[in-house]
């Protein structure tokens, strides 16, 4: 089946659900193939203006859809599944973007034959630049390929074991915020050494983009690229060493671990 021929229902039109819808539109999926549901449906008027069908009733985002994306908060999971269960049919593909809800738990609340995947994109899906992690059940490889192809229109895809989904959430989804905090700090530093905020932002954003592409396109370890710009007694190594003295790497790693432990502990 061609990706642009799939009917997609997105339940939850918050930041993530909206970003997924916008990413699909940019990927060339016809707006008429997408429906998004949200209680406060007036907040989706901009998507409606682009041709996306919007609904207040979640069941209308389920009926007749080949792919259903659950983009709601985990605490809403059970009530939502009970609400849509009567409208789910065997063979429909259910993609859960909810953290902490296992495939086993999801299976307990849907009819037999519904194909469940856990999917963790990040908000860069809106720009087709997400890092999406997918945990797949044992099912027809053609179905797995369909899900993979769908999210490859929104960025890069890696299949992982389900037990790594919590780690994927922290490193890939929370990681957007961590990376942006680095960018913000670098912009503040740029202002302190003489640039206007707008110019500093452009310099930092393009520099980070370039650093990212060096890793993605070459596959080299970051230290190999760092070595290219550090010279004996140079300004780069001096700055790097001062950052490490102040706990730069340690703080980042500790932040990742705190987020991971909080997610695992359900607190």
Protein backbone atom coordinates (compact mmCIF):
# COMPACT_ATOMS: atom_id res chain seq x y z
CA UNK A 1 0.00 0.00 0.00
CA UNK A 2 1.25 3.48 -0.88
CA UNK A 3 1.86 5.76 2.10
CA UNK A 4 -0.16 8.59 0.59
CA UNK A 5 -3.17 6.28 0.27
CA UNK A 6 -3.40 5.43 3.97
CA UNK A 7 -6.23 6.83 6.07
CA UNK A 8 -4.75 8.12 9.34
CA UNK A 9 -6.59 8.97 12.54
CA UNK A 10 -4.74 10.95 15.21
CA UNK A 11 -6.34 10.96 18.64
CA UNK A 12 -5.00 13.90 20.59
CA UNK A 13 -4.32 17.25 18.96
CA UNK A 14 -1.86 18.58 21.51
CA UNK A 15 1.74 19.52 20.73
CA UNK A 16 2.85 16.03 19.67
CA UNK A 17 -0.30 14.99 17.81
CA UNK A 18 -0.38 18.30 15.97
CA UNK A 19 3.32 17.96 15.08
CA UNK A 20 2.71 14.50 13.64
CA UNK A 21 -0.18 15.79 11.54
CA UNK A 22 1.88 18.71 10.25
CA UNK A 23 4.75 16.36 9.42
CA UNK A 24 2.47 14.08 7.42
CA UNK A 25 1.17 17.08 5.49
CA UNK A 26 4.71 18.20 4.67
CA UNK A 27 5.51 14.63 3.60
CA UNK A 28 2.84 14.88 0.94
CA UNK A 29 0.06 12.86 2.55
CA UNK A 30 -3.24 14.28 1.35
CA UNK A 31 -4.98 16.29 4.07
CA UNK A 32 -8.24 14.52 3.25
CA UNK A 33 -6.63 11.27 4.46
CA UNK A 34 -5.96 12.67 7.94
CA UNK A 35 -8.40 13.17 10.80
CA UNK A 36 -7.41 14.63 14.20
CA UNK A 37 -9.59 14.54 17.31
CA UNK A 38 -9.46 16.78 20.34
CA UNK A 39 -12.00 17.84 22.95
CA UNK A 40 -11.23 21.54 22.41
CA UNK A 41 -11.63 21.19 18.69
CA UNK A 42 -11.47 24.96 18.08
CA UNK A 43 -7.72 24.75 18.77
CA UNK A 44 -7.32 22.72 15.56
CA UNK A 45 -8.84 25.28 13.20
CA UNK A 46 -5.47 25.93 11.53
CA UNK A 47 -5.22 22.23 10.58
CA UNK A 48 -8.81 22.30 9.38
CA UNK A 49 -7.93 25.25 7.15
CA UNK A 50 -5.31 23.03 5.50
CA UNK A 51 -7.91 20.38 4.71
CA UNK A 52 -7.46 18.06 7.71
CA UNK A 53 -10.72 16.73 9.13
CA UNK A 54 -11.09 17.60 12.79
CA UNK A 55 -13.41 15.89 15.23
CA UNK A 56 -14.43 16.27 18.85
CA UNK A 57 -15.57 12.63 19.04
CA UNK A 58 -12.62 10.22 19.28
CA UNK A 59 -14.60 7.41 17.69
CA UNK A 60 -14.74 9.38 14.45
CA UNK A 61 -10.93 9.34 14.35
CA UNK A 62 -11.07 5.52 14.56
CA UNK A 63 -13.86 4.40 12.24
CA UNK A 64 -12.54 3.62 8.77
CA UNK A 65 -8.91 4.50 9.54
CA UNK A 66 -6.18 2.03 8.64
CA UNK A 67 -3.68 3.65 11.00
CA UNK A 68 -4.62 5.17 14.36
CA UNK A 69 -2.13 7.27 16.31
CA UNK A 70 -2.67 7.66 20.06
CA UNK A 71 -1.09 10.97 21.06
CA UNK A 72 -2.57 11.58 24.50
CA UNK A 73 -1.16 11.65 28.03
CA UNK A 74 -0.47 8.24 29.62
CA UNK A 75 -2.93 8.87 32.46
CA UNK A 76 -5.68 9.12 29.82
CA UNK A 77 -4.77 5.77 28.27
CA UNK A 78 -7.24 3.36 29.88
CA UNK A 79 -10.27 5.65 29.63
CA UNK A 80 -9.43 6.41 26.00
CA UNK A 81 -8.94 2.75 25.05
CA UNK A 82 -12.23 1.81 26.70
CA UNK A 83 -13.91 4.62 24.77
CA UNK A 84 -12.63 3.61 21.34
CA UNK A 85 -12.57 -0.19 21.83
CA UNK A 86 -16.07 -0.74 20.37
CA UNK A 87 -14.98 0.97 17.15
CA UNK A 88 -11.66 -0.82 16.64
CA UNK A 89 -11.49 -3.65 14.11
CA UNK A 90 -8.98 -6.49 13.53
CA UNK A 91 -6.29 -5.45 11.09
CA UNK A 92 -6.22 -1.80 12.13
CA UNK A 93 -2.77 -0.55 13.11
CA UNK A 94 -2.64 1.20 16.48
CA UNK A 95 0.44 3.36 17.07
CA UNK A 96 0.85 4.40 20.70
CA UNK A 97 2.92 7.50 21.35
CA UNK A 98 2.20 7.24 25.08
CA UNK A 99 5.10 6.75 27.46
CA UNK A 100 5.07 3.99 30.03
CA UNK A 101 2.13 2.00 28.58
CA UNK A 102 3.38 -1.39 27.38
CA UNK A 103 2.19 -3.31 24.35
CA UNK A 104 0.93 -6.00 26.74
CA UNK A 105 -1.18 -3.44 28.63
CA UNK A 106 -2.51 -1.98 25.39
CA UNK A 107 -3.47 -5.43 24.14
CA UNK A 108 -5.62 -5.96 27.24
CA UNK A 109 -7.88 -3.08 26.19
CA UNK A 110 -8.30 -3.57 22.45
CA UNK A 111 -10.02 -6.27 20.37
CA UNK A 112 -7.98 -9.25 19.22
CA UNK A 113 -6.37 -8.69 15.86
CA UNK A 114 -5.61 -4.99 16.32
CA UNK A 115 -1.91 -4.52 15.55
CA UNK A 116 -0.15 -2.48 18.21
CA UNK A 117 3.16 -0.63 17.96
CA UNK A 118 4.83 1.70 20.41
CA UNK A 119 6.29 4.71 18.68
CA UNK A 120 8.37 7.51 20.19
CA UNK A 121 8.99 10.45 17.87
CA UNK A 122 9.94 13.94 18.98
CA UNK A 123 8.41 17.30 18.14
CA UNK A 124 10.73 17.72 15.15
CA UNK A 125 8.26 15.50 13.28
CA UNK A 126 6.58 18.75 12.23
CA UNK A 127 9.70 19.52 10.18
CA UNK A 128 10.26 15.90 9.05
CA UNK A 129 13.39 15.79 11.22
CA UNK A 130 12.30 13.47 14.03
CA UNK A 131 14.33 10.67 15.51
CA UNK A 132 11.58 8.08 15.87
CA UNK A 133 12.05 4.89 17.88
CA UNK A 134 9.64 2.02 17.26
CA UNK A 135 8.97 -1.14 19.28
CA UNK A 136 7.20 -3.69 17.10
CA UNK A 137 5.35 -6.86 18.02
CA UNK A 138 5.87 -10.08 16.12
CA UNK A 139 3.67 -9.52 13.11
CA UNK A 140 3.70 -9.54 9.33
CA UNK A 141 6.97 -7.93 8.15
CA UNK A 142 4.93 -6.04 5.56
CA UNK A 143 3.03 -4.30 8.36
CA UNK A 144 6.28 -3.38 10.11
CA UNK A 145 7.60 -1.99 6.85
CA UNK A 146 4.45 0.05 6.39
CA UNK A 147 4.88 1.63 9.84
CA UNK A 148 8.57 2.22 9.19
CA UNK A 149 7.90 3.80 5.80
CA UNK A 150 5.24 6.04 7.32
CA UNK A 151 7.57 7.47 9.97
CA UNK A 152 10.55 7.66 7.63
CA UNK A 153 8.60 10.43 5.91
CA UNK A 154 9.03 12.32 9.20
CA UNK A 155 12.75 11.78 9.78
CA UNK A 156 14.91 8.84 10.83
CA UNK A 157 13.59 5.55 12.24
CA UNK A 158 15.22 2.91 14.45
CA UNK A 159 13.48 -0.26 15.65
CA UNK A 160 14.33 -1.15 19.25
CA UNK A 161 13.31 -3.71 21.87
CA UNK A 162 10.36 -2.53 23.90
CA UNK A 163 12.34 -2.51 27.15
CA UNK A 164 14.37 0.37 25.70
CA UNK A 165 11.36 2.61 25.11
CA UNK A 166 11.83 4.51 28.37
CA UNK A 167 15.45 5.22 27.45
CA UNK A 168 14.32 6.20 23.95
CA UNK A 169 11.85 8.69 25.43
CA UNK A 170 14.56 10.39 27.48
CA UNK A 171 17.30 10.41 24.85
CA UNK A 172 15.16 11.12 21.80
CA UNK A 173 12.06 13.00 22.97
CA UNK A 174 13.32 14.80 26.09
CA UNK A 175 16.60 15.17 24.23
CA UNK A 176 15.07 17.91 22.07
CA UNK A 177 14.66 20.07 25.16
CA UNK A 178 18.17 19.23 26.41
CA UNK A 179 19.70 20.19 23.07
CA UNK A 180 17.68 23.41 22.94
CA UNK A 181 18.86 24.33 26.42
CA UNK A 182 22.47 24.03 25.20
CA UNK A 183 21.58 26.27 22.26
CA UNK A 184 19.98 28.82 24.56
CA UNK A 185 23.04 28.89 26.81
CA UNK A 186 25.36 29.31 23.83
CA UNK A 187 23.24 32.22 22.58
CA UNK A 188 23.47 33.87 25.99
CA UNK A 189 27.23 33.44 25.90
CA UNK A 190 27.31 34.91 22.41
CA UNK A 191 25.50 38.01 23.63
CA UNK A 192 27.97 38.38 26.50
CA UNK A 193 30.92 38.37 24.10
CA UNK A 194 29.42 40.99 21.83
CA UNK A 195 26.75 39.71 19.43
CA UNK A 196 23.15 40.83 19.26
CA UNK A 197 20.71 38.11 20.30
CA UNK A 198 19.35 37.56 16.78
CA UNK A 199 22.79 37.18 15.24
CA UNK A 200 23.98 34.95 18.09
CA UNK A 201 20.96 32.69 17.58
CA UNK A 202 21.67 32.31 13.87
CA UNK A 203 25.34 31.53 14.49
CA UNK A 204 24.64 28.98 17.22
CA UNK A 205 21.74 27.27 15.42
CA UNK A 206 23.70 26.82 12.18
CA UNK A 207 26.80 25.70 14.09
CA UNK A 208 24.82 23.03 15.94
CA UNK A 209 23.18 21.96 12.69
CA UNK A 210 26.63 21.64 11.09
CA UNK A 211 27.97 19.62 14.02
CA UNK A 212 24.97 17.30 13.80
CA UNK A 213 25.42 16.76 10.07
CA UNK A 214 29.10 15.93 10.57
CA UNK A 215 28.07 13.03 12.80
CA UNK A 216 25.07 11.88 10.76
CA UNK A 217 26.79 12.01 7.38
CA UNK A 218 30.18 10.62 8.37
CA UNK A 219 29.23 8.27 11.21
CA UNK A 220 32.35 9.37 13.07
CA UNK A 221 32.51 9.67 16.84
CA UNK A 222 32.14 13.26 18.11
CA UNK A 223 35.64 13.19 19.59
CA UNK A 224 37.12 12.64 16.13
CA UNK A 225 35.52 15.89 14.96
CA UNK A 226 36.48 17.68 18.18
CA UNK A 227 40.11 16.70 17.62
CA UNK A 228 40.05 18.54 14.28
CA UNK A 229 39.37 21.89 15.95
CA UNK A 230 41.50 21.55 19.06
CA UNK A 231 45.15 22.57 18.82
CA UNK A 232 47.87 22.53 21.50
CA UNK A 233 47.39 25.47 23.89
CA UNK A 234 44.50 26.61 21.68
CA UNK A 235 41.34 28.48 22.62
CA UNK A 236 39.00 25.56 21.83
CA UNK A 237 40.63 23.08 24.20
CA UNK A 238 40.80 25.76 26.90
CA UNK A 239 37.08 26.38 26.60
CA UNK A 240 36.25 22.68 26.54
CA UNK A 241 38.38 21.97 29.60
CA UNK A 242 36.73 24.80 31.54
CA UNK A 243 33.28 23.44 30.66
CA UNK A 244 34.33 20.01 31.92
CA UNK A 245 35.77 21.53 35.11
CA UNK A 246 32.34 23.08 35.66
CA UNK A 247 30.63 19.71 35.18
CA UNK A 248 29.25 20.06 31.64
CA UNK A 249 29.23 16.37 30.64
CA UNK A 250 28.45 15.20 34.15
CA UNK A 251 25.46 17.54 34.43
CA UNK A 252 24.04 16.35 31.11
CA UNK A 253 24.43 12.68 31.99
CA UNK A 254 22.92 13.23 35.44
CA UNK A 255 19.98 15.05 33.87
CA UNK A 256 19.34 12.12 31.52
CA UNK A 257 19.48 9.68 34.42
CA UNK A 258 17.11 11.73 36.57
CA UNK A 259 14.57 11.87 33.76
CA UNK A 260 14.98 8.15 33.07
CA UNK A 261 14.57 7.18 36.72
CA UNK A 262 11.53 9.42 37.14
CA UNK A 263 9.88 7.85 34.09
CA UNK A 264 10.62 4.32 35.29
CA UNK A 265 9.40 5.05 38.81
CA UNK A 266 6.20 6.64 37.53
CA UNK A 267 6.70 9.72 39.68
